[in-house]
Amino acid sequence: MDSKALREKRKKLAEDANAILTRAVNEGRAATPEELQTVDKIHADVDALKSTIERVERADTEARMYAPESQREERAGGPSADEQEVRTRAFRNWSLGGPSALSSEELRALNPKPSGNGTEITLRFMSKDERRQYERNEREQRAQTVTTSAGGYIIAPEFSNRVEKSMLWYGPMLQEADVFDTATGATMTWPTYDDTSNTGAILAINTGVSNQDMTFGQVSFAAYKYSSKQILVPVELMQDSAFDINGLVADVLGERLGRILNTHFTTGDASSKPNGIVTAAGTGKTGATGQTASVTFDDIVDLVYSVDKAYRIGAKFMMNDATIKALRKLKDGNGLPIWTAGGPTAGEPDTLLGYPVVPNNDMATMATSAKSILFGQIKKYKVRRVKDITLLRLNERYADAHQVGFLAFARFDGQLLDAGTDPVKLYVNSAS
């Protein structure tokens, strides 16, 4: 069965669950325990189908990736298959031997620059769609891995060219925030203003106009320098491994940066680091006494309406997986779940009261006084990025150990643009 058919099946199951609950409402009664049990079973089947769909789509993607070049589809607006192949080959050769190992064509594709006792190239973070595809392709069958304190090595059996990589999703802030690029890291300001309390007026004949000042403010953006920390790779591993260790190293360096950036963009305290969206957001709803680790349907409604209607356009929820698990079980007064699973279209998000839900495990777990749920225009959070990621290959520093060092740097800052009207707000669990 192809992914389209599976998605249609998933949609039909979701509709069946909704029909059971709707029938109870139309009959003026609460859903019976048996009906709720059936609905819960259907939701479990929906979740299982989601995993199956991901496997099928990954297999389809890999079939296209390894098809003859003449059969490969080119990405709209992206590099051709030939161009991508050159860049991939160039990166591998640069990783193994530095700039001297590159052909003229590969030099043009990669454009390496000297840096101290090594060379550097620039990379970029993946787009949202690229990240989703990458995560699908990362679900690989386990291969043998042996680690050492000096960076590790991989034993690749002849029958396998794959490796299992331990990777936890590093978070959505770079995808959900409004990212803008600057050519330099000089401190910059972003103006804000609040004119919401002002209105126009009727003007009588021969009457002068009155003044009504706007309230201006500003937000300052720095450029904090982030490091991936260094990875040492034995030259023999790069030469002998059947797996693309060079690409793996680049992935890991980027993921290290992504994890710390997501943490700081979420909960950073603005002390020599970005001001996180949770830190900057106002409180929209506080749980009642006793709700130290829980939330009610009414709380969610109150949180939504604590945000001005202007900011509810394009608004989203953000919370961690533990909170999502609790909310998926939450029902309204009629026994209907307030959570709606994503639709059949690839990438269509789950929703809560009609608003998309963004998982972010850097959000706090529900506990005493925890800022556990965020709602509003997440795009009001601005991320400043100074150029792209710089990846360094250290050619000589570890030559005596026959190792090559790799290191990545990036400069970022983040601020919530809030002119005083709270575009995002928080649900805060009770203090007692």
Protein backbone atom coordinates (compact mmCIF):
# COMPACT_ATOMS: atom_id res chain seq x y z
CA MET A 1 0.00 0.00 0.00
CA ASP A 2 1.43 3.41 -0.99
CA SER A 3 1.68 6.43 1.32
CA LYS A 4 -1.34 8.15 -0.27
CA ALA A 5 -3.58 5.17 0.47
CA LEU A 6 -2.22 4.94 4.01
CA ARG A 7 -2.92 8.62 4.59
CA GLU A 8 -6.48 8.16 3.32
CA LYS A 9 -6.90 5.24 5.72
CA ARG A 10 -5.57 7.42 8.55
CA LYS A 11 -8.02 10.16 7.61
CA LYS A 12 -10.93 7.66 7.58
CA LEU A 13 -10.02 6.42 11.08
CA ALA A 14 -9.91 9.98 12.40
CA GLU A 15 -13.33 10.64 10.85
CA ASP A 16 -14.72 7.44 12.46
CA ALA A 17 -13.53 8.57 15.89
CA ASN A 18 -15.07 11.99 15.41
CA ALA A 19 -18.37 10.43 14.23
CA ILE A 20 -18.66 8.37 17.44
CA LEU A 21 -18.21 11.42 19.64
CA THR A 22 -20.41 13.64 17.48
CA ARG A 23 -23.23 11.07 17.64
CA ALA A 24 -23.15 11.20 21.43
CA VAL A 25 -23.34 15.01 21.39
CA ASN A 26 -26.23 15.01 18.91
CA GLU A 27 -28.10 12.57 21.14
CA GLY A 28 -27.69 14.91 24.08
CA ARG A 29 -25.56 12.56 26.18
CA ALA A 30 -22.00 11.97 27.27
CA ALA A 31 -19.99 9.36 25.45
CA THR A 32 -20.18 5.94 27.08
CA PRO A 33 -17.05 4.24 28.48
CA GLU A 34 -17.25 1.75 25.61
CA GLU A 35 -17.37 4.56 23.03
CA LEU A 36 -14.44 6.34 24.65
CA GLN A 37 -12.49 3.07 24.66
CA THR A 38 -13.19 2.64 20.95
CA VAL A 39 -12.09 6.22 20.26
CA ASP A 40 -8.87 5.70 22.21
CA LYS A 41 -8.20 2.51 20.21
CA ILE A 42 -8.74 4.38 16.94
CA HIS A 43 -6.36 7.14 18.05
CA ALA A 44 -3.72 4.47 18.79
CA ASP A 45 -4.22 3.06 15.28
CA VAL A 46 -3.85 6.57 13.85
CA ASP A 47 -0.53 6.99 15.63
CA ALA A 48 0.67 3.59 14.40
CA LEU A 49 -0.25 4.48 10.82
CA LYS A 50 1.74 7.68 11.11
CA SER A 51 4.88 5.62 11.83
CA THR A 52 4.12 3.29 8.91
CA ILE A 53 3.61 6.23 6.55
CA GLU A 54 7.01 7.64 7.53
CA ARG A 55 8.71 4.30 6.78
CA VAL A 56 7.01 3.99 3.38
CA GLU A 57 7.90 7.55 2.40
CA ARG A 58 11.50 7.05 3.53
CA ALA A 59 11.75 3.96 1.33
CA ASP A 60 10.32 5.92 -1.62
CA THR A 61 12.82 8.70 -1.05
CA GLU A 62 15.78 6.32 -0.89
CA ALA A 63 14.60 4.60 -4.07
CA ARG A 64 14.72 7.96 -5.83
CA MET A 65 18.08 8.85 -4.28
CA TYR A 66 19.75 5.69 -5.52
CA ALA A 67 18.05 5.61 -8.91
CA PRO A 68 20.15 6.17 -12.05
CA GLU A 69 21.07 9.78 -12.47
CA SER A 70 18.86 10.11 -15.54
CA GLN A 71 15.85 9.21 -13.40
CA ARG A 72 16.49 11.63 -10.57
CA GLU A 73 14.11 14.51 -10.06
CA GLU A 74 15.59 17.95 -9.63
CA ARG A 75 14.32 20.08 -6.74
CA ALA A 76 12.51 23.23 -7.80
CA GLY A 77 14.71 26.22 -7.15
CA GLY A 78 17.55 24.03 -5.85
CA PRO A 79 20.71 22.57 -7.32
CA SER A 80 20.51 19.99 -10.03
CA ALA A 81 21.48 16.39 -9.39
CA ASP A 82 24.81 17.04 -11.12
CA GLU A 83 25.52 20.14 -9.02
CA GLN A 84 24.62 18.38 -5.80
CA GLU A 85 26.83 15.45 -6.71
CA VAL A 86 29.78 17.80 -7.28
CA ARG A 87 29.24 19.51 -3.93
CA THR A 88 28.98 16.18 -2.12
CA ARG A 89 32.14 14.88 -3.75
CA ALA A 90 33.92 18.17 -3.07
CA PHE A 91 33.02 18.08 0.61
CA ARG A 92 34.26 14.52 0.99
CA ASN A 93 37.55 15.27 -0.75
CA TRP A 94 38.02 18.45 1.30
CA SER A 95 37.39 16.49 4.50
CA LEU A 96 39.95 13.87 3.52
CA GLY A 97 42.72 16.01 2.08
CA GLY A 98 41.91 19.69 2.37
CA PRO A 99 41.85 22.15 -0.58
CA SER A 100 44.77 20.46 -2.34
CA ALA A 101 42.60 17.38 -2.88
CA LEU A 102 39.96 19.34 -4.85
CA SER A 103 39.64 19.63 -8.59
CA SER A 104 39.03 23.03 -10.15
CA GLU A 105 35.33 22.19 -10.46
CA GLU A 106 35.17 21.16 -6.80
CA LEU A 107 37.03 24.31 -5.72
CA ARG A 108 34.40 26.46 -7.41
CA ALA A 109 31.59 24.47 -5.78
CA LEU A 110 33.00 24.56 -2.23
CA ASN A 111 35.11 27.77 -2.21
CA PRO A 112 37.34 26.86 0.80
CA LYS A 113 39.27 29.66 2.56
CA PRO A 114 42.50 29.51 4.61
CA SER A 115 42.06 29.82 8.37
CA GLY A 116 45.01 29.53 10.78
CA ASN A 117 46.44 26.01 10.45
CA GLY A 118 43.48 24.79 8.44
CA THR A 119 40.72 25.77 6.02
CA GLU A 120 37.08 26.73 6.38
CA ILE A 121 33.89 26.45 4.37
CA THR A 122 30.37 27.71 5.00
CA LEU A 123 27.29 25.59 5.55
CA ARG A 124 23.70 26.45 6.31
CA PHE A 125 20.91 25.13 8.48
CA MET A 126 18.31 23.01 6.73
CA SER A 127 14.91 24.34 5.81
CA LYS A 128 11.87 22.89 7.57
CA ASP A 129 11.09 20.54 4.67
CA GLU A 130 14.73 19.49 4.34
CA ARG A 131 14.89 18.73 8.05
CA ARG A 132 11.75 16.62 7.90
CA GLN A 133 13.15 14.60 5.00
CA TYR A 134 16.48 14.22 6.73
CA GLU A 135 14.88 12.88 9.89
CA ARG A 136 13.02 10.31 7.83
CA ASN A 137 16.22 9.18 6.16
CA GLU A 138 17.99 8.96 9.52
CA ARG A 139 15.83 6.09 10.72
CA GLU A 140 18.29 3.45 9.66
CA GLN A 141 18.98 -0.12 10.69
CA ARG A 142 21.66 -0.38 13.38
CA ALA A 143 25.26 -1.08 12.40
CA GLN A 144 28.19 -1.80 14.67
CA THR A 145 29.64 1.24 16.37
CA VAL A 146 32.73 1.38 18.61
CA THR A 147 33.59 4.58 20.47
CA THR A 148 36.85 5.89 21.94
CA SER A 149 37.61 8.95 24.04
CA ALA A 150 39.49 10.51 21.15
CA GLY A 151 36.47 10.92 18.96
CA GLY A 152 35.61 7.34 18.12
CA TYR A 153 35.71 5.10 15.09
CA ILE A 154 33.21 3.05 13.21
CA ILE A 155 33.70 -0.54 12.16
CA ALA A 156 31.75 -0.98 8.95
CA PRO A 157 31.10 -4.64 8.09
CA GLU A 158 31.44 -5.50 4.40
CA PHE A 159 27.75 -6.23 4.16
CA SER A 160 26.71 -2.83 5.45
CA ASN A 161 27.54 0.79 4.71
CA ARG A 162 25.27 2.26 7.32
CA VAL A 163 25.72 3.46 10.86
CA GLU A 164 23.30 4.21 13.62
CA LYS A 165 23.59 7.68 15.01
CA SER A 166 22.20 8.71 18.36
CA MET A 167 20.22 11.85 17.68
CA LEU A 168 17.49 13.64 19.59
CA TRP A 169 15.49 16.22 17.71
CA TYR A 170 17.06 19.57 18.47
CA GLY A 171 13.94 21.70 18.37
CA PRO A 172 11.85 24.01 16.20
CA MET A 173 12.86 27.58 17.00
CA LEU A 174 15.05 28.09 13.94
CA GLN A 175 12.12 26.86 11.83
CA GLU A 176 9.29 28.70 13.57
CA ALA A 177 10.93 32.04 14.36
CA ASP A 178 11.45 34.80 11.81
CA VAL A 179 15.14 34.44 10.87
CA PHE A 180 16.94 37.34 9.21
CA ASP A 181 20.54 37.53 8.03
CA THR A 182 23.12 40.28 8.45
CA ALA A 183 26.48 40.61 6.74
CA THR A 184 28.27 41.68 9.95
CA GLY A 185 27.85 41.13 13.67
CA ALA A 186 27.67 44.78 14.65
CA THR A 187 25.07 45.54 17.33
CA MET A 188 21.82 46.63 15.71
CA THR A 189 18.48 47.91 16.94
CA TRP A 190 14.95 47.11 15.80
CA PRO A 191 12.34 49.82 16.39
CA THR A 192 8.98 49.04 17.97
CA TYR A 193 5.92 51.17 18.60
CA ASP A 194 2.55 50.91 20.35
CA ASP A 195 -0.26 53.04 18.95
CA THR A 196 -3.16 50.79 19.92
CA SER A 197 -4.71 53.22 22.43
CA ASN A 198 -4.87 56.07 19.92
CA THR A 199 -7.69 56.83 17.49
CA GLY A 200 -8.53 59.38 14.88
CA ALA A 201 -11.14 62.11 15.45
CA ILE A 202 -13.86 64.09 13.75
CA LEU A 203 -12.61 67.52 12.83
CA ALA A 204 -14.95 70.50 12.91
CA ILE A 205 -14.75 73.25 10.30
CA ASN A 206 -12.00 75.79 10.94
CA THR A 207 -10.62 73.65 13.79
CA GLY A 208 -6.95 72.69 14.01
CA VAL A 209 -5.84 69.11 14.54
CA SER A 210 -4.52 67.93 17.89
CA ASN A 211 -1.37 65.91 18.53
CA GLN A 212 -1.30 62.34 19.73
CA ASP A 213 2.18 60.89 20.15
CA MET A 214 3.15 57.32 19.38
CA THR A 215 4.98 55.21 21.96
CA PHE A 216 8.29 54.15 20.44
CA GLY A 217 10.73 51.57 21.76
CA GLN A 218 13.56 49.47 20.45
CA VAL A 219 15.02 45.99 20.73
CA SER A 220 18.76 45.43 20.50
CA PHE A 221 20.38 42.49 18.70
CA ALA A 222 23.93 41.35 19.46
CA ALA A 223 25.83 38.51 17.76
CA TYR A 224 26.75 35.78 20.24
CA LYS A 225 29.40 33.38 19.02
CA TYR A 226 28.52 29.69 19.32
CA SER A 227 30.86 26.73 19.02
CA SER A 228 30.03 23.12 18.25
CA LYS A 229 33.08 21.97 20.25
CA GLN A 230 35.72 20.02 18.44
CA ILE A 231 35.54 16.55 16.92
CA LEU A 232 38.69 14.51 16.22
CA VAL A 233 38.43 11.93 13.46
CA PRO A 234 41.14 9.35 12.60
CA VAL A 235 42.29 9.69 9.00
CA GLU A 236 41.98 5.92 8.59
CA LEU A 237 38.30 6.11 9.43
CA MET A 238 37.64 8.71 6.75
CA GLN A 239 39.58 6.68 4.21
CA ASP A 240 38.30 3.20 5.02
CA SER A 241 34.76 3.53 6.35
CA ALA A 242 32.06 2.46 3.90
CA PHE A 243 29.81 5.01 5.55
CA ASP A 244 30.05 8.69 4.69
CA ILE A 245 31.77 9.70 7.92
CA ASN A 246 32.52 13.13 6.51
CA GLY A 247 28.86 13.95 6.05
CA LEU A 248 28.13 12.52 9.49
CA VAL A 249 30.66 14.87 11.10
CA ALA A 250 29.07 17.88 9.39
CA ASP A 251 25.61 16.76 10.55
CA VAL A 252 26.74 16.31 14.14
CA LEU A 253 28.42 19.70 14.28
CA GLY A 254 25.27 21.36 12.96
CA GLU A 255 23.06 19.46 15.38
CA ARG A 256 25.21 20.51 18.35
CA LEU A 257 24.76 24.12 17.36
CA GLY A 258 21.07 23.58 16.73
CA ARG A 259 20.46 22.13 20.20
CA ILE A 260 22.06 24.97 22.16
CA LEU A 261 20.47 27.59 19.90
CA ASN A 262 17.02 26.08 20.42
CA THR A 263 17.53 26.08 24.20
CA HIS A 264 18.61 29.72 24.26
CA PHE A 265 15.90 30.88 21.83
CA THR A 266 13.36 29.15 24.08
CA THR A 267 14.50 29.89 27.64
CA GLY A 268 17.62 32.09 27.35
CA ASP A 269 17.86 34.70 30.13
CA ALA A 270 19.48 37.50 28.05
CA SER A 271 22.61 37.31 30.22
CA SER A 272 25.40 36.96 27.62
CA LYS A 273 22.94 34.95 25.56
CA PRO A 274 19.69 35.52 23.61
CA ASN A 275 16.49 36.49 25.37
CA GLY A 276 14.32 33.40 24.94
CA ILE A 277 10.71 33.55 23.83
CA VAL A 278 9.51 32.04 27.13
CA THR A 279 11.57 34.54 29.14
CA ALA A 280 10.12 37.46 27.18
CA ALA A 281 6.49 36.30 27.03
CA GLY A 282 3.80 37.51 29.42
CA THR A 283 1.51 35.33 31.54
CA GLY A 284 -1.88 34.67 30.00
CA LYS A 285 -3.29 32.14 32.46
CA THR A 286 -2.16 30.71 35.79
CA GLY A 287 -3.46 27.35 36.94
CA ALA A 288 -5.77 27.20 39.94
CA THR A 289 -4.49 25.99 43.30
CA GLY A 290 -3.56 22.34 43.04
CA GLN A 291 -2.80 22.45 39.32
CA THR A 292 0.93 22.14 39.78
CA ALA A 293 1.18 19.48 37.09
CA SER A 294 -2.08 19.74 35.17
CA VAL A 295 -4.14 21.97 32.90
CA THR A 296 -7.88 22.10 32.19
CA PHE A 297 -9.93 22.72 29.07
CA ASP A 298 -11.03 26.08 30.49
CA ASP A 299 -7.39 27.04 31.11
CA ILE A 300 -6.56 26.48 27.42
CA VAL A 301 -9.56 28.58 26.35
CA ASP A 302 -8.53 31.36 28.74
CA LEU A 303 -4.95 31.24 27.44
CA VAL A 304 -6.11 31.61 23.83
CA TYR A 305 -8.33 34.59 24.61
CA SER A 306 -5.66 36.25 26.74
CA VAL A 307 -3.90 37.02 23.44
CA ASP A 308 -5.33 39.89 21.42
CA LYS A 309 -7.28 38.85 18.34
CA ALA A 310 -4.74 40.59 16.10
CA TYR A 311 -2.08 38.14 17.32
CA ARG A 312 -4.35 35.09 17.18
CA ILE A 313 -4.09 35.27 13.37
CA GLY A 314 -1.34 32.78 12.55
CA ALA A 315 -0.93 31.88 16.22
CA LYS A 316 0.43 28.52 17.40
CA PHE A 317 0.82 26.57 20.61
CA MET A 318 4.24 25.44 21.78
CA MET A 319 4.92 22.82 24.47
CA ASN A 320 7.05 19.76 25.16
CA ASP A 321 6.15 16.13 24.51
CA ALA A 322 5.07 15.43 28.11
CA THR A 323 2.56 18.28 27.99
CA ILE A 324 1.36 17.15 24.56
CA LYS A 325 0.74 13.69 25.98
CA ALA A 326 -1.42 15.16 28.76
CA LEU A 327 -3.40 17.41 26.41
CA ARG A 328 -4.10 14.61 23.95
CA LYS A 329 -6.10 12.96 26.75
CA LEU A 330 -7.97 16.15 27.68
CA LYS A 331 -11.70 16.33 26.80
CA ASP A 332 -14.31 19.06 26.91
CA GLY A 333 -17.54 18.99 28.91
CA ASN A 334 -19.19 16.78 26.31
CA GLY A 335 -16.45 14.16 26.41
CA LEU A 336 -14.98 15.31 23.11
CA PRO A 337 -11.18 15.52 22.80
CA ILE A 338 -9.90 19.05 22.27
CA TRP A 339 -6.87 17.67 20.40
CA THR A 340 -7.09 17.05 16.64
CA ALA A 341 -4.55 14.82 14.92
CA GLY A 342 -2.81 16.14 11.81
CA GLY A 343 -4.56 15.54 8.51
CA PRO A 344 -3.59 13.37 5.56
CA THR A 345 -1.37 16.00 3.92
CA ALA A 346 2.34 15.47 4.62
CA GLY A 347 3.53 17.78 7.35
CA GLU A 348 0.06 18.94 8.37
CA PRO A 349 0.36 19.60 12.15
CA ASP A 350 -1.76 18.47 15.04
CA THR A 351 -4.07 21.21 16.30
CA LEU A 352 -5.49 22.33 19.62
CA LEU A 353 -8.73 24.33 19.47
CA GLY A 354 -7.97 24.82 15.79
CA TYR A 355 -4.44 26.20 16.29
CA PRO A 356 -1.30 24.29 15.21
CA VAL A 357 0.86 22.73 17.93
CA VAL A 358 4.65 23.00 17.77
CA PRO A 359 6.56 20.42 19.87
CA ASN A 360 9.57 21.91 21.65
CA ASN A 361 11.24 19.85 24.36
CA ASP A 362 13.08 22.90 25.69
CA MET A 363 9.72 24.05 27.05
CA ALA A 364 9.26 23.23 30.73
CA THR A 365 7.41 20.11 31.85
CA MET A 366 4.30 20.86 33.90
CA ALA A 367 5.37 21.29 37.53
CA THR A 368 5.14 23.85 40.30
CA SER A 369 5.13 27.37 38.74
CA ALA A 370 6.34 25.95 35.41
CA LYS A 371 5.88 28.01 32.24
CA SER A 372 4.68 24.96 30.37
CA ILE A 373 2.49 26.14 27.45
CA LEU A 374 3.05 29.05 25.08
CA PHE A 375 0.50 30.52 22.68
CA GLY A 376 0.60 33.35 20.18
CA GLN A 377 2.46 34.60 17.12
CA ILE A 378 5.74 32.74 17.41
CA LYS A 379 6.91 34.59 14.26
CA LYS A 380 7.17 37.70 16.44
CA TYR A 381 10.35 36.11 17.78
CA LYS A 382 13.20 37.35 15.59
CA VAL A 383 16.44 35.41 15.15
CA ARG A 384 19.45 37.31 13.91
CA ARG A 385 21.94 35.15 11.99
CA VAL A 386 25.34 36.48 10.96
CA LYS A 387 26.17 34.80 7.64
CA ASP A 388 26.18 30.97 7.63
CA ILE A 389 27.85 28.28 9.71
CA THR A 390 31.62 28.22 9.44
CA LEU A 391 33.10 24.72 9.36
CA LEU A 392 36.85 24.42 10.02
CA ARG A 393 39.13 21.55 9.06
CA LEU A 394 42.28 21.56 11.25
CA ASN A 395 44.97 20.13 9.00
CA GLU A 396 48.12 20.20 11.15
CA ARG A 397 47.23 20.51 14.83
CA TYR A 398 46.61 16.78 15.27
CA ALA A 399 48.80 15.47 12.47
CA ASP A 400 51.12 13.67 14.92
CA ALA A 401 48.19 11.48 15.96
CA HIS A 402 47.08 11.07 12.33
CA GLN A 403 43.79 12.76 13.14
CA VAL A 404 41.87 15.62 11.64
CA GLY A 405 39.96 18.11 13.76
CA PHE A 406 36.62 19.56 12.76
CA LEU A 407 34.95 22.54 14.38
CA ALA A 408 31.95 24.72 13.59
CA PHE A 409 31.13 28.30 14.57
CA ALA A 410 28.02 30.41 14.16
CA ARG A 411 26.83 33.81 15.41
CA PHE A 412 23.24 34.37 16.46
CA ASP A 413 20.93 36.39 18.67
CA GLY A 414 17.20 36.30 19.32
CA GLN A 415 14.59 38.71 20.70
CA LEU A 416 10.82 38.85 20.97
CA LEU A 417 9.44 41.93 19.21
CA ASP A 418 6.94 43.14 21.77
CA ALA A 419 5.84 46.77 21.74
CA GLY A 420 3.86 46.19 24.94
CA THR A 421 0.90 44.20 23.66
CA ASP A 422 2.09 40.63 24.43
CA PRO A 423 1.97 38.82 21.06
CA VAL A 424 2.69 35.55 22.89
CA LYS A 425 1.55 34.46 26.34
CA LEU A 426 2.11 31.59 28.72
CA TYR A 427 0.16 29.13 30.79
CA VAL A 428 1.88 28.90 34.16
CA ASN A 429 1.18 26.00 36.49
CA SER A 430 0.04 26.76 40.02
CA ALA A 431 2.62 27.52 42.71
CA SER A 432 0.86 25.22 45.19
